[in-house]
Amino acid sequence: MISETDLTHLGRCVALARAALDAGDSPFGSVLVRTSTGAVLREDRNRITTGRDVTLHPELSLVVWAQRRLTDPADRADTTVYTSGEHCPMCAAAHANAGMGRIVYVASSARLGEWREEMGATPGPVALLPVSVVAPGVRCVEGLTDGIGDADADADGKGTASASTPGTPTETGGSISSGSAALIREVKELHRLKHERQQQQQQQTQAGLKPVET
């Protein structure tokens, strides 16, 4: 079950995702928390464009940091990675191999894929596989969009969640909270803005103009 504390950390992830987009990177942000104490250990945002490195995903950066600083496997297992979007296969594999703990995200890989398809975005080179497929050993993976349709999020907490599968989170009473709905809408909007900027850059390139840095 996703708690109010979880929503607070997810809110920070969305703020980091917004900062990433403002800097010219993809809109993803992540926060690493010690599960037993609630202490925030580290946070990061996507830097693949500004860092000129396709591996600079925030989820992977947190795993690299944890392996260097949390040398006891028990300490790595006692962590929660909060993130604006579910781990990609690269990050999910690293998370599992490093023995990290719980994962909580705003938007699932499936939902991100649906949004991109709606926007007419070109599919990426890597399949948007869920963490449960890439790393079935990760003990607890939860997300706000699990069992929740976009119509429910757009209703700002007034809609009722569809039936969720065992092991996935539901909001109290089966309804999505206004806080959850707002985070889902904001993540979707950030990805819409990213796609819009990419289209503008492509049009400028086709017109023989130098793309404007964003």
Protein backbone atom coordinates (compact mmCIF):
# COMPACT_ATOMS: atom_id res chain seq x y z
CA MET A 1 0.00 0.00 0.00
CA ILE A 2 1.35 3.40 -0.92
CA SER A 3 1.39 5.76 2.07
CA GLU A 4 1.37 9.53 2.46
CA THR A 5 5.11 9.34 3.17
CA ASP A 6 5.56 7.52 -0.13
CA LEU A 7 3.61 10.27 -1.90
CA THR A 8 5.89 12.90 -0.37
CA HIS A 9 8.99 11.17 -1.75
CA LEU A 10 7.29 10.66 -5.12
CA GLY A 11 6.50 14.35 -5.17
CA ARG A 12 10.20 15.07 -4.83
CA CYS A 13 10.90 12.66 -7.70
CA VAL A 14 8.50 14.62 -9.91
CA ALA A 15 10.22 17.88 -8.94
CA LEU A 16 13.56 16.35 -9.94
CA ALA A 17 12.02 15.15 -13.21
CA ARG A 18 10.86 18.70 -13.89
CA ALA A 19 14.38 20.00 -13.17
CA ALA A 20 15.79 17.42 -15.59
CA LEU A 21 13.45 18.56 -18.36
CA ASP A 22 14.27 22.21 -17.68
CA ALA A 23 17.96 21.35 -18.06
CA GLY A 24 17.39 19.61 -21.38
CA ASP A 25 17.33 16.03 -20.16
CA SER A 26 14.55 13.43 -20.07
CA PRO A 27 11.98 13.97 -17.28
CA PHE A 28 12.95 11.37 -14.71
CA GLY A 29 13.92 11.83 -11.06
CA SER A 30 14.65 9.40 -8.23
CA VAL A 31 15.17 9.42 -4.46
CA LEU A 32 16.92 6.78 -2.34
CA VAL A 33 15.56 6.32 1.20
CA ARG A 34 16.57 4.04 4.07
CA THR A 35 13.38 2.04 4.57
CA SER A 36 13.80 1.37 8.31
CA THR A 37 14.37 5.00 9.30
CA GLY A 38 12.86 7.05 6.46
CA ALA A 39 16.13 8.96 6.04
CA VAL A 40 16.80 10.32 2.55
CA LEU A 41 20.21 9.03 1.48
CA ARG A 42 20.58 10.36 -2.05
CA GLU A 43 18.64 11.83 -4.96
CA ASP A 44 19.36 12.37 -8.63
CA ARG A 45 17.77 13.21 -11.96
CA ASN A 46 18.21 12.08 -15.53
CA ARG A 47 21.38 13.52 -17.15
CA ILE A 48 21.71 11.56 -20.39
CA THR A 49 21.75 14.65 -22.64
CA THR A 50 23.69 17.16 -20.54
CA GLY A 51 26.07 14.44 -19.35
CA ARG A 52 26.45 13.00 -22.87
CA ASP A 53 26.07 9.49 -21.45
CA VAL A 54 23.06 7.26 -22.14
CA THR A 55 23.62 5.38 -18.86
CA LEU A 56 23.03 8.42 -16.65
CA HIS A 57 19.58 7.34 -15.49
CA PRO A 58 18.87 8.44 -11.91
CA GLU A 59 17.89 4.94 -10.81
CA LEU A 60 21.22 3.54 -12.03
CA SER A 61 23.14 6.43 -10.47
CA LEU A 62 21.57 5.63 -7.09
CA VAL A 63 22.58 1.96 -7.41
CA VAL A 64 26.18 2.95 -8.21
CA TRP A 65 26.25 5.26 -5.17
CA ALA A 66 24.72 2.60 -2.91
CA GLN A 67 27.28 -0.03 -3.90
CA ARG A 68 30.11 2.34 -2.96
CA ARG A 69 28.59 3.72 0.26
CA LEU A 70 26.35 0.93 1.55
CA THR A 71 28.91 -1.85 1.56
CA ASP A 72 26.86 -4.15 3.82
CA PRO A 73 24.30 -6.04 1.67
CA ALA A 74 21.78 -5.70 4.51
CA ASP A 75 21.99 -1.91 4.22
CA ARG A 76 21.32 -2.02 0.47
CA ALA A 77 18.35 -4.31 1.06
CA ASP A 78 17.03 -1.78 3.61
CA THR A 79 16.37 0.84 0.94
CA THR A 80 13.48 2.13 -1.11
CA VAL A 81 14.04 3.72 -4.50
CA TYR A 82 11.31 6.20 -5.36
CA THR A 83 11.15 7.27 -8.98
CA SER A 84 8.92 9.20 -11.36
CA GLY A 85 8.90 6.34 -13.87
CA GLU A 86 9.36 2.60 -13.46
CA HIS A 87 12.91 1.35 -13.95
CA CYS A 88 14.01 0.53 -17.48
CA PRO A 89 15.56 -2.94 -18.01
CA MET A 90 19.09 -1.59 -17.50
CA CYS A 91 18.22 0.02 -14.17
CA ALA A 92 16.06 -2.90 -13.02
CA ALA A 93 18.89 -5.36 -13.64
CA ALA A 94 21.38 -3.19 -11.74
CA HIS A 95 18.92 -2.74 -8.87
CA ALA A 96 18.41 -6.49 -8.53
CA ASN A 97 22.07 -7.45 -8.93
CA ALA A 98 23.08 -4.93 -6.25
CA GLY A 99 20.55 -6.38 -3.81
CA MET A 100 18.57 -3.16 -3.46
CA GLY A 101 15.16 -3.13 -1.76
CA ARG A 102 11.70 -1.78 -2.55
CA ILE A 103 10.79 0.22 -5.68
CA VAL A 104 7.94 2.76 -5.76
CA TYR A 105 7.14 4.73 -8.92
CA VAL A 106 4.56 7.18 -10.23
CA ALA A 107 4.12 5.83 -13.78
CA SER A 108 4.65 2.25 -14.87
CA SER A 109 6.63 1.34 -17.96
CA ALA A 110 3.39 0.21 -19.57
CA ARG A 111 1.72 3.55 -18.89
CA LEU A 112 4.73 5.49 -20.18
CA GLY A 113 4.55 3.43 -23.35
CA GLU A 114 0.83 4.16 -23.72
CA TRP A 115 1.42 7.89 -23.31
CA ARG A 116 4.21 7.90 -25.89
CA GLU A 117 2.03 6.02 -28.35
CA GLU A 118 -0.79 8.53 -27.82
CA MET A 119 1.66 11.36 -28.51
CA GLY A 120 2.92 9.71 -31.69
CA ALA A 121 6.44 9.32 -30.30
CA THR A 122 8.84 6.94 -32.01
CA PRO A 123 9.38 3.80 -29.88
CA GLY A 124 12.76 3.65 -28.20
CA PRO A 125 15.41 1.01 -28.95
CA VAL A 126 14.73 -0.89 -25.69
CA ALA A 127 11.47 -2.64 -24.80
CA LEU A 128 9.56 -1.09 -21.88
CA LEU A 129 9.53 -4.26 -19.80
CA PRO A 130 8.25 -4.12 -16.21
CA VAL A 131 10.62 -4.70 -13.31
CA SER A 132 8.69 -7.88 -12.46
CA VAL A 133 9.80 -9.39 -15.79
CA VAL A 134 13.38 -8.14 -15.84
CA ALA A 135 14.09 -8.68 -12.14
CA PRO A 136 11.49 -10.98 -10.55
CA GLY A 137 13.66 -11.25 -7.45
CA VAL A 138 12.97 -7.65 -6.40
CA ARG A 139 10.66 -8.23 -3.45
CA CYS A 140 8.35 -5.23 -3.59
CA VAL A 141 7.48 -3.07 -6.58
CA GLU A 142 4.57 -0.62 -6.35
CA GLY A 143 3.26 2.19 -8.52
CA LEU A 144 0.57 4.83 -8.57
CA THR A 145 -0.68 3.90 -12.03
CA ASP A 146 -1.08 0.19 -11.19
CA GLY A 147 -4.75 -0.63 -11.68
CA ILE A 148 -5.56 3.04 -12.31
CA GLY A 149 -6.69 4.39 -15.67
CA ASP A 150 -5.93 7.87 -16.99
CA ALA A 151 -9.63 8.72 -16.64
CA ASP A 152 -9.37 8.13 -12.89
CA ALA A 153 -6.32 10.37 -12.62
CA ASP A 154 -8.01 13.06 -14.70
CA ALA A 155 -10.98 12.93 -12.33
CA ASP A 156 -8.66 14.25 -9.58
CA GLY A 157 -9.40 11.54 -7.10
CA LYS A 158 -13.12 11.31 -7.78
CA GLY A 159 -12.85 8.25 -9.99
CA THR A 160 -12.67 4.69 -8.74
CA ALA A 161 -9.68 2.49 -9.45
CA SER A 162 -10.18 -0.58 -11.57
CA ALA A 163 -9.59 -3.92 -9.92
CA SER A 164 -5.89 -4.38 -9.28
CA THR A 165 -4.00 -7.63 -9.46
CA PRO A 166 -2.70 -9.26 -6.25
CA GLY A 167 0.40 -7.55 -4.95
CA THR A 168 -0.24 -4.20 -6.60
CA PRO A 169 -1.21 -1.16 -4.54
CA THR A 170 -4.67 0.36 -4.36
CA GLU A 171 -5.75 3.62 -2.81
CA THR A 172 -7.92 3.64 0.35
CA GLY A 173 -11.37 2.33 -0.43
CA GLY A 174 -10.37 1.54 -4.00
CA SER A 175 -10.28 5.21 -5.01
CA ILE A 176 -7.27 7.14 -6.20
CA SER A 177 -6.34 10.04 -3.94
CA SER A 178 -6.12 13.59 -5.27
CA GLY A 179 -2.40 13.63 -4.43
CA SER A 180 -1.75 10.52 -6.49
CA ALA A 181 -3.84 11.83 -9.37
CA ALA A 182 -1.94 15.11 -9.42
CA LEU A 183 1.43 13.33 -9.58
CA ILE A 184 0.29 11.08 -12.42
CA ARG A 185 -1.01 14.07 -14.40
CA GLU A 186 2.19 16.02 -13.85
CA VAL A 187 4.43 13.16 -15.00
CA LYS A 188 2.30 12.74 -18.12
CA GLU A 189 2.54 16.48 -18.82
CA LEU A 190 6.32 16.44 -18.44
CA HIS A 191 6.57 13.68 -21.03
CA ARG A 192 4.21 15.56 -23.33
CA LEU A 193 6.46 18.62 -23.08
CA LYS A 194 9.53 16.48 -23.77
CA HIS A 195 7.91 15.06 -26.91
CA GLU A 196 6.83 18.55 -28.02
CA ARG A 197 10.38 19.86 -27.67
CA GLN A 198 11.79 16.90 -29.59
CA GLN A 199 9.35 17.58 -32.41
CA GLN A 200 10.34 21.25 -32.50
CA GLN A 201 14.03 20.31 -32.67
CA GLN A 202 13.37 17.85 -35.49
CA GLN A 203 11.46 20.49 -37.45
CA GLN A 204 14.29 22.97 -36.97
CA THR A 205 16.83 20.40 -38.13
CA GLN A 206 14.77 19.58 -41.21
CA ALA A 207 14.50 23.30 -41.98
CA GLY A 208 18.28 23.60 -41.81
CA LEU A 209 18.21 25.59 -38.58
CA LYS A 210 20.35 24.94 -35.53
CA PRO A 211 18.12 23.39 -32.82
CA VAL A 212 17.55 25.65 -29.84
CA GLU A 213 19.08 24.22 -26.66
CA THR A 214 16.43 23.46 -24.01
